[in-house]
Amino acid sequence: MKRSEAHLEQAVIEEFHKSRKNYGTRKLKVALALLGFTVSRRKIAVIVRKFALISNYTKATFKQHKTKVNEAPVANELGRQFEQVEARKVIVTDLTYVRVGEKWHYVCFILDLFNREIIGHSAGTNKTADLVKEAIYQIPFPLFNVQLFHTDRGSEFDNKAIDEILDTFEIGRSLSNKGCPYDNAVAESTYKSFKKEFVYPNKFQTLNQLKVQLLD
């Protein structure tokens, strides 16, 4: 890591905590400018995700949607250990909704917890296990490398086909505790940035348009 990058990361962490965990990327950019850092909100968002700096605003505005809960007897093996020292070992995923035309569509991201990189994604009309499988199939490296697959307790993750993929590649399973979004905080933070930087500034008329722009 370059020394300047290390200094920037430290500054982001310090300013975030000085704000009593209230600052988002916009206010962090202003605070960093006063310290002499010229940096984009996108770069700040990457650091925020890397260190799981979840603002009080994010916590306050999180709305629990009524969905069928996955009651599988699987523990939270990840245990909020968001800082991983090896790439391709722990992956996390979740789905979010995006307005396309007059209807809601869904996007699934799969993240490498080591560097918060999006290693697989998919978009579709329904919040289903098929959308998750499509994102898994996009992962560009052998799945035998992966040791743990963490999700929340959405019913779309309680699926025999997904179980078979994990069993085939000997990937361990981890589920968030029931009703606790912070157990999957990195995915939550990624979607917050995704909506601010990608969804809100754009209007999508078709699913194909959304898919094409996701590739950019």
C-alpha atoms as a PDB file:
ATOM      1  CA  MET A   1       0.000   0.000   0.000  1.00  0.00           C
ATOM      2  CA  LYS A   2       1.302   3.460  -0.873  1.00  0.00           C
ATOM      3  CA  ARG A   3       2.040   5.699   2.076  1.00  0.00           C
ATOM      4  CA  SER A   4      -0.339   8.396   0.762  1.00  0.00           C
ATOM      5  CA  GLU A   5      -3.161   5.859   0.520  1.00  0.00           C
ATOM      6  CA  ALA A   6      -2.515   4.700   4.076  1.00  0.00           C
ATOM      7  CA  HIS A   7      -2.662   8.325   5.242  1.00  0.00           C
ATOM      8  CA  LEU A   8      -5.922   8.859   3.382  1.00  0.00           C
ATOM      9  CA  GLU A   9      -7.504   5.767   4.917  1.00  0.00           C
ATOM     10  CA  GLN A  10      -6.411   6.850   8.387  1.00  0.00           C
ATOM     11  CA  ALA A  11      -7.834  10.336   7.807  1.00  0.00           C
ATOM     12  CA  VAL A  12     -11.183   8.926   6.673  1.00  0.00           C
ATOM     13  CA  ILE A  13     -11.401   6.711   9.757  1.00  0.00           C
ATOM     14  CA  GLU A  14     -10.463   9.563  12.112  1.00  0.00           C
ATOM     15  CA  GLU A  15     -12.879  12.078  10.582  1.00  0.00           C
ATOM     16  CA  PHE A  16     -15.674   9.503  10.625  1.00  0.00           C
ATOM     17  CA  HIS A  17     -15.219   8.868  14.332  1.00  0.00           C
ATOM     18  CA  LYS A  18     -14.744  12.583  15.094  1.00  0.00           C
ATOM     19  CA  SER A  19     -18.208  13.112  13.622  1.00  0.00           C
ATOM     20  CA  ARG A  20     -19.529  10.518  16.095  1.00  0.00           C
ATOM     21  CA  LYS A  21     -20.268   8.255  13.139  1.00  0.00           C
ATOM     22  CA  ASN A  22     -22.592  10.804  11.519  1.00  0.00           C
ATOM     23  CA  TYR A  23     -20.646  11.700   8.353  1.00  0.00           C
ATOM     24  CA  GLY A  24     -21.415  10.147   4.992  1.00  0.00           C
ATOM     25  CA  THR A  25     -19.183  10.473   1.922  1.00  0.00           C
ATOM     26  CA  ARG A  26     -20.331  14.025   1.138  1.00  0.00           C
ATOM     27  CA  LYS A  27     -19.351  15.479   4.520  1.00  0.00           C
ATOM     28  CA  LEU A  28     -16.228  13.349   4.694  1.00  0.00           C
ATOM     29  CA  LYS A  29     -15.081  14.838   1.393  1.00  0.00           C
ATOM     30  CA  VAL A  30     -15.439  18.357   2.836  1.00  0.00           C
ATOM     31  CA  ALA A  31     -13.592  17.394   6.019  1.00  0.00           C
ATOM     32  CA  LEU A  32     -10.787  15.762   4.045  1.00  0.00           C
ATOM     33  CA  ALA A  33     -10.452  18.811   1.783  1.00  0.00           C
ATOM     34  CA  LEU A  34      -9.776  20.912   4.878  1.00  0.00           C
ATOM     35  CA  LEU A  35      -6.944  18.506   5.675  1.00  0.00           C
ATOM     36  CA  GLY A  36      -5.472  18.908   2.196  1.00  0.00           C
ATOM     37  CA  PHE A  37      -6.813  15.724   0.593  1.00  0.00           C
ATOM     38  CA  THR A  38      -8.309  16.031  -2.893  1.00  0.00           C
ATOM     39  CA  VAL A  39     -10.353  12.864  -3.264  1.00  0.00           C
ATOM     40  CA  SER A  40     -13.599  11.812  -4.925  1.00  0.00           C
ATOM     41  CA  ARG A  41     -16.656  10.592  -3.064  1.00  0.00           C
ATOM     42  CA  ARG A  42     -16.313   7.328  -4.982  1.00  0.00           C
ATOM     43  CA  LYS A  43     -12.841   6.755  -3.487  1.00  0.00           C
ATOM     44  CA  ILE A  44     -14.129   7.678  -0.027  1.00  0.00           C
ATOM     45  CA  ALA A  45     -16.981   5.207  -0.495  1.00  0.00           C
ATOM     46  CA  VAL A  46     -14.460   2.433  -1.240  1.00  0.00           C
ATOM     47  CA  ILE A  47     -12.658   3.179   2.040  1.00  0.00           C
ATOM     48  CA  VAL A  48     -15.946   3.412   3.934  1.00  0.00           C
ATOM     49  CA  ARG A  49     -16.919  -0.029   2.649  1.00  0.00           C
ATOM     50  CA  LYS A  50     -13.459  -1.471   3.318  1.00  0.00           C
ATOM     51  CA  PHE A  51     -13.591  -0.542   6.988  1.00  0.00           C
ATOM     52  CA  ALA A  52     -17.376  -1.006   7.373  1.00  0.00           C
ATOM     53  CA  LEU A  53     -17.867   2.590   8.570  1.00  0.00           C
ATOM     54  CA  ILE A  54     -21.655   2.484   8.915  1.00  0.00           C
ATOM     55  CA  SER A  55     -23.025   5.948   9.685  1.00  0.00           C
ATOM     56  CA  ASN A  56     -25.809   6.643  12.157  1.00  0.00           C
ATOM     57  CA  TYR A  57     -27.805   7.959   9.200  1.00  0.00           C
ATOM     58  CA  THR A  58     -27.615   4.574   7.523  1.00  0.00           C
ATOM     59  CA  LYS A  59     -28.748   2.828  10.700  1.00  0.00           C
ATOM     60  CA  ALA A  60     -31.584   5.266  11.276  1.00  0.00           C
ATOM     61  CA  THR A  61     -32.956   5.010   7.754  1.00  0.00           C
ATOM     62  CA  PHE A  62     -32.681   1.251   7.352  1.00  0.00           C
ATOM     63  CA  LYS A  63     -36.168  -0.142   6.831  1.00  0.00           C
ATOM     64  CA  GLN A  64     -36.913  -3.773   7.481  1.00  0.00           C
ATOM     65  CA  HIS A  65     -38.943  -5.166   4.579  1.00  0.00           C
ATOM     66  CA  LYS A  66     -41.412  -7.934   5.280  1.00  0.00           C
ATOM     67  CA  THR A  67     -40.092 -11.031   3.565  1.00  0.00           C
ATOM     68  CA  LYS A  68     -40.152 -14.717   4.295  1.00  0.00           C
ATOM     69  CA  VAL A  69     -37.310 -15.504   6.674  1.00  0.00           C
ATOM     70  CA  ASN A  70     -34.789 -18.270   6.151  1.00  0.00           C
ATOM     71  CA  GLU A  71     -35.029 -20.279   9.374  1.00  0.00           C
ATOM     72  CA  ALA A  72     -32.206 -22.689   8.481  1.00  0.00           C
ATOM     73  CA  PRO A  73     -30.163 -23.727  11.554  1.00  0.00           C
ATOM     74  CA  VAL A  74     -26.967 -22.090  10.275  1.00  0.00           C
ATOM     75  CA  ALA A  75     -24.827 -19.946  12.573  1.00  0.00           C
ATOM     76  CA  ASN A  76     -23.272 -16.565  11.859  1.00  0.00           C
ATOM     77  CA  GLU A  77     -19.823 -18.028  11.230  1.00  0.00           C
ATOM     78  CA  LEU A  78     -18.523 -14.708   9.886  1.00  0.00           C
ATOM     79  CA  GLY A  79     -19.243 -13.003  13.193  1.00  0.00           C
ATOM     80  CA  ARG A  80     -18.716  -9.499  11.731  1.00  0.00           C
ATOM     81  CA  GLN A  81     -15.082 -10.283  10.938  1.00  0.00           C
ATOM     82  CA  PHE A  82     -15.177  -7.865   8.024  1.00  0.00           C
ATOM     83  CA  GLU A  83     -11.397  -7.446   7.790  1.00  0.00           C
ATOM     84  CA  GLN A  84      -9.999 -10.441   5.909  1.00  0.00           C
ATOM     85  CA  VAL A  85      -6.290 -10.935   5.208  1.00  0.00           C
ATOM     86  CA  GLU A  86      -6.643 -13.201   2.160  1.00  0.00           C
ATOM     87  CA  ALA A  87      -8.397 -12.619  -1.137  1.00  0.00           C
ATOM     88  CA  ARG A  88     -11.055 -14.995  -2.483  1.00  0.00           C
ATOM     89  CA  LYS A  89     -11.626 -16.703   0.865  1.00  0.00           C
ATOM     90  CA  VAL A  90     -14.792 -15.057   2.211  1.00  0.00           C
ATOM     91  CA  ILE A  91     -17.571 -13.752  -0.024  1.00  0.00           C
ATOM     92  CA  VAL A  92     -20.754 -11.968   0.989  1.00  0.00           C
ATOM     93  CA  THR A  93     -23.898 -11.190  -0.957  1.00  0.00           C
ATOM     94  CA  ASP A  94     -27.294  -9.546  -0.812  1.00  0.00           C
ATOM     95  CA  LEU A  95     -29.965  -8.182  -3.153  1.00  0.00           C
ATOM     96  CA  THR A  96     -31.446  -4.722  -3.537  1.00  0.00           C
ATOM     97  CA  TYR A  97     -34.262  -3.194  -5.545  1.00  0.00           C
ATOM     98  CA  VAL A  98     -33.997  -0.762  -8.479  1.00  0.00           C
ATOM     99  CA  ARG A  99     -36.797   1.070 -10.281  1.00  0.00           C
ATOM    100  CA  VAL A 100     -36.996   0.050 -13.947  1.00  0.00           C
ATOM    101  CA  GLY A 101     -39.781   1.749 -15.880  1.00  0.00           C
ATOM    102  CA  GLU A 102     -42.843   1.452 -13.660  1.00  0.00           C
ATOM    103  CA  LYS A 103     -41.758  -1.682 -11.815  1.00  0.00           C
ATOM    104  CA  TRP A 104     -39.235  -2.785  -9.214  1.00  0.00           C
ATOM    105  CA  HIS A 105     -36.397  -4.993 -10.378  1.00  0.00           C
ATOM    106  CA  TYR A 106     -33.558  -6.510  -8.380  1.00  0.00           C
ATOM    107  CA  VAL A 107     -29.765  -6.508  -8.412  1.00  0.00           C
ATOM    108  CA  CYS A 108     -27.516  -9.062  -6.722  1.00  0.00           C
ATOM    109  CA  PHE A 109     -23.850  -8.346  -5.931  1.00  0.00           C
ATOM    110  CA  ILE A 110     -21.277 -10.805  -4.644  1.00  0.00           C
ATOM    111  CA  LEU A 111     -18.339  -9.187  -2.856  1.00  0.00           C
ATOM    112  CA  ASP A 112     -14.880 -10.425  -1.955  1.00  0.00           C
ATOM    113  CA  LEU A 113     -14.643  -9.339   1.671  1.00  0.00           C
ATOM    114  CA  PHE A 114     -10.862  -8.947   1.381  1.00  0.00           C
ATOM    115  CA  ASN A 115     -11.013  -5.823  -0.787  1.00  0.00           C
ATOM    116  CA  ARG A 116     -14.775  -5.210  -1.196  1.00  0.00           C
ATOM    117  CA  GLU A 117     -14.492  -5.931  -4.922  1.00  0.00           C
ATOM    118  CA  ILE A 118     -17.708  -6.860  -6.726  1.00  0.00           C
ATOM    119  CA  ILE A 119     -16.770 -10.237  -8.208  1.00  0.00           C
ATOM    120  CA  GLY A 120     -20.203 -11.241  -9.497  1.00  0.00           C
ATOM    121  CA  HIS A 121     -23.482  -9.506 -10.238  1.00  0.00           C
ATOM    122  CA  SER A 122     -26.866 -10.083 -11.816  1.00  0.00           C
ATOM    123  CA  ALA A 123     -30.120  -8.212 -12.407  1.00  0.00           C
ATOM    124  CA  GLY A 124     -33.646  -9.481 -12.920  1.00  0.00           C
ATOM    125  CA  THR A 125     -37.351  -8.974 -12.433  1.00  0.00           C
ATOM    126  CA  ASN A 126     -37.712 -11.169  -9.361  1.00  0.00           C
ATOM    127  CA  LYS A 127     -35.928 -11.554  -6.041  1.00  0.00           C
ATOM    128  CA  THR A 128     -35.128 -15.242  -6.386  1.00  0.00           C
ATOM    129  CA  ALA A 129     -32.434 -17.857  -5.922  1.00  0.00           C
ATOM    130  CA  ASP A 130     -31.907 -17.874  -9.703  1.00  0.00           C
ATOM    131  CA  LEU A 131     -30.644 -14.301  -9.477  1.00  0.00           C
ATOM    132  CA  VAL A 132     -28.170 -15.342  -6.787  1.00  0.00           C
ATOM    133  CA  LYS A 133     -26.985 -18.336  -8.827  1.00  0.00           C
ATOM    134  CA  GLU A 134     -26.461 -16.133 -11.889  1.00  0.00           C
ATOM    135  CA  ALA A 135     -24.212 -13.844  -9.845  1.00  0.00           C
ATOM    136  CA  ILE A 136     -22.293 -16.826  -8.445  1.00  0.00           C
ATOM    137  CA  TYR A 137     -21.659 -18.164 -11.957  1.00  0.00           C
ATOM    138  CA  GLN A 138     -20.032 -14.836 -12.889  1.00  0.00           C
ATOM    139  CA  ILE A 139     -17.276 -15.183 -10.288  1.00  0.00           C
ATOM    140  CA  PRO A 140     -14.067 -15.134 -12.391  1.00  0.00           C
ATOM    141  CA  PHE A 141     -11.967 -17.515 -10.318  1.00  0.00           C
ATOM    142  CA  PRO A 142     -12.287 -21.167  -9.177  1.00  0.00           C
ATOM    143  CA  LEU A 143     -14.877 -21.511  -6.436  1.00  0.00           C
ATOM    144  CA  PHE A 144     -12.649 -24.055  -4.711  1.00  0.00           C
ATOM    145  CA  ASN A 145     -10.729 -21.019  -3.395  1.00  0.00           C
ATOM    146  CA  VAL A 146     -13.729 -19.797  -1.401  1.00  0.00           C
ATOM    147  CA  GLN A 147     -14.065 -20.928   2.207  1.00  0.00           C
ATOM    148  CA  LEU A 148     -17.152 -19.057   3.433  1.00  0.00           C
ATOM    149  CA  PHE A 149     -20.341 -17.711   1.832  1.00  0.00           C
ATOM    150  CA  HIS A 150     -22.221 -15.214   4.021  1.00  0.00           C
ATOM    151  CA  THR A 151     -25.744 -13.880   3.467  1.00  0.00           C
ATOM    152  CA  ASP A 152     -28.661 -12.531   5.425  1.00  0.00           C
ATOM    153  CA  ARG A 153     -31.701 -14.724   6.095  1.00  0.00           C
ATOM    154  CA  GLY A 154     -33.645 -13.843   2.962  1.00  0.00           C
ATOM    155  CA  SER A 155     -35.686 -16.747   1.625  1.00  0.00           C
ATOM    156  CA  GLU A 156     -33.932 -16.489  -1.755  1.00  0.00           C
ATOM    157  CA  PHE A 157     -30.802 -17.943  -0.127  1.00  0.00           C
ATOM    158  CA  ASP A 158     -32.678 -20.978   1.226  1.00  0.00           C
ATOM    159  CA  ASN A 159     -32.436 -22.978  -1.963  1.00  0.00           C
ATOM    160  CA  LYS A 160     -31.386 -26.520  -2.844  1.00  0.00           C
ATOM    161  CA  ALA A 161     -29.470 -25.490  -5.976  1.00  0.00           C
ATOM    162  CA  ILE A 162     -27.410 -22.949  -4.016  1.00  0.00           C
ATOM    163  CA  ASP A 163     -26.762 -25.577  -1.346  1.00  0.00           C
ATOM    164  CA  GLU A 164     -25.523 -27.962  -4.042  1.00  0.00           C
ATOM    165  CA  ILE A 165     -23.102 -25.360  -5.415  1.00  0.00           C
ATOM    166  CA  LEU A 166     -21.681 -24.755  -1.944  1.00  0.00           C
ATOM    167  CA  ASP A 167     -21.445 -28.483  -1.224  1.00  0.00           C
ATOM    168  CA  THR A 168     -19.742 -29.197  -4.558  1.00  0.00           C
ATOM    169  CA  PHE A 169     -17.001 -26.657  -3.905  1.00  0.00           C
ATOM    170  CA  GLU A 170     -16.854 -27.348  -0.143  1.00  0.00           C
ATOM    171  CA  ILE A 171     -17.786 -23.778   0.750  1.00  0.00           C
ATOM    172  CA  GLY A 172     -18.941 -23.129   4.302  1.00  0.00           C
ATOM    173  CA  ARG A 173     -22.226 -21.349   4.972  1.00  0.00           C
ATOM    174  CA  SER A 174     -22.827 -18.356   7.251  1.00  0.00           C
ATOM    175  CA  LEU A 175     -26.124 -16.579   7.937  1.00  0.00           C
ATOM    176  CA  SER A 176     -26.741 -13.275   9.680  1.00  0.00           C
ATOM    177  CA  ASN A 177     -28.655 -13.394  12.917  1.00  0.00           C
ATOM    178  CA  LYS A 178     -32.378 -12.938  12.434  1.00  0.00           C
ATOM    179  CA  GLY A 179     -33.382  -9.283  12.035  1.00  0.00           C
ATOM    180  CA  CYS A 180     -29.803  -7.976  12.277  1.00  0.00           C
ATOM    181  CA  PRO A 181     -28.678  -6.148   9.099  1.00  0.00           C
ATOM    182  CA  TYR A 182     -25.351  -5.139  10.666  1.00  0.00           C
ATOM    183  CA  ASP A 183     -24.179  -8.759  10.433  1.00  0.00           C
ATOM    184  CA  ASN A 184     -23.966  -8.122   6.681  1.00  0.00           C
ATOM    185  CA  ALA A 185     -22.830  -4.504   7.007  1.00  0.00           C
ATOM    186  CA  VAL A 186     -20.375  -4.517   4.093  1.00  0.00           C
ATOM    187  CA  ALA A 187     -23.074  -5.562   1.634  1.00  0.00           C
ATOM    188  CA  GLU A 188     -25.477  -3.002   3.126  1.00  0.00           C
ATOM    189  CA  SER A 189     -22.862  -0.247   2.798  1.00  0.00           C
ATOM    190  CA  THR A 190     -22.072  -1.258  -0.785  1.00  0.00           C
ATOM    191  CA  TYR A 191     -25.721  -0.980  -1.788  1.00  0.00           C
ATOM    192  CA  LYS A 192     -26.045   2.415  -0.133  1.00  0.00           C
ATOM    193  CA  SER A 193     -23.142   3.720  -2.250  1.00  0.00           C
ATOM    194  CA  PHE A 194     -24.474   1.918  -5.332  1.00  0.00           C
ATOM    195  CA  LYS A 195     -27.819   3.684  -5.053  1.00  0.00           C
ATOM    196  CA  LYS A 196     -26.308   7.121  -4.436  1.00  0.00           C
ATOM    197  CA  GLU A 197     -23.733   6.918  -7.204  1.00  0.00           C
ATOM    198  CA  PHE A 198     -25.431   4.715  -9.802  1.00  0.00           C
ATOM    199  CA  VAL A 199     -29.172   4.350  -9.261  1.00  0.00           C
ATOM    200  CA  TYR A 200     -30.384   7.795  -8.189  1.00  0.00           C
ATOM    201  CA  PRO A 201     -28.572   9.774 -10.949  1.00  0.00           C
ATOM    202  CA  ASN A 202     -30.012   7.511 -13.675  1.00  0.00           C
ATOM    203  CA  LYS A 203     -33.366   6.388 -15.012  1.00  0.00           C
ATOM    204  CA  PHE A 204     -33.714   2.865 -16.336  1.00  0.00           C
ATOM    205  CA  GLN A 205     -36.457   2.134 -18.848  1.00  0.00           C
ATOM    206  CA  THR A 206     -35.657  -1.540 -19.490  1.00  0.00           C
ATOM    207  CA  LEU A 207     -33.949  -4.412 -17.729  1.00  0.00           C
ATOM    208  CA  ASN A 208     -31.464  -4.666 -20.596  1.00  0.00           C
ATOM    209  CA  GLN A 209     -30.491  -1.014 -20.100  1.00  0.00           C
ATOM    210  CA  LEU A 210     -29.831  -1.699 -16.421  1.00  0.00           C
ATOM    211  CA  LYS A 211     -27.726  -4.762 -17.246  1.00  0.00           C
ATOM    212  CA  VAL A 212     -25.667  -2.906 -19.855  1.00  0.00           C
ATOM    213  CA  GLN A 213     -24.938   0.005 -17.515  1.00  0.00           C
ATOM    214  CA  LEU A 214     -23.952  -2.383 -14.730  1.00  0.00           C
ATOM    215  CA  LEU A 215     -21.165  -3.592 -17.019  1.00  0.00           C
ATOM    216  CA  ASP A 216     -19.703  -0.092 -17.472  1.00  0.00           C
END
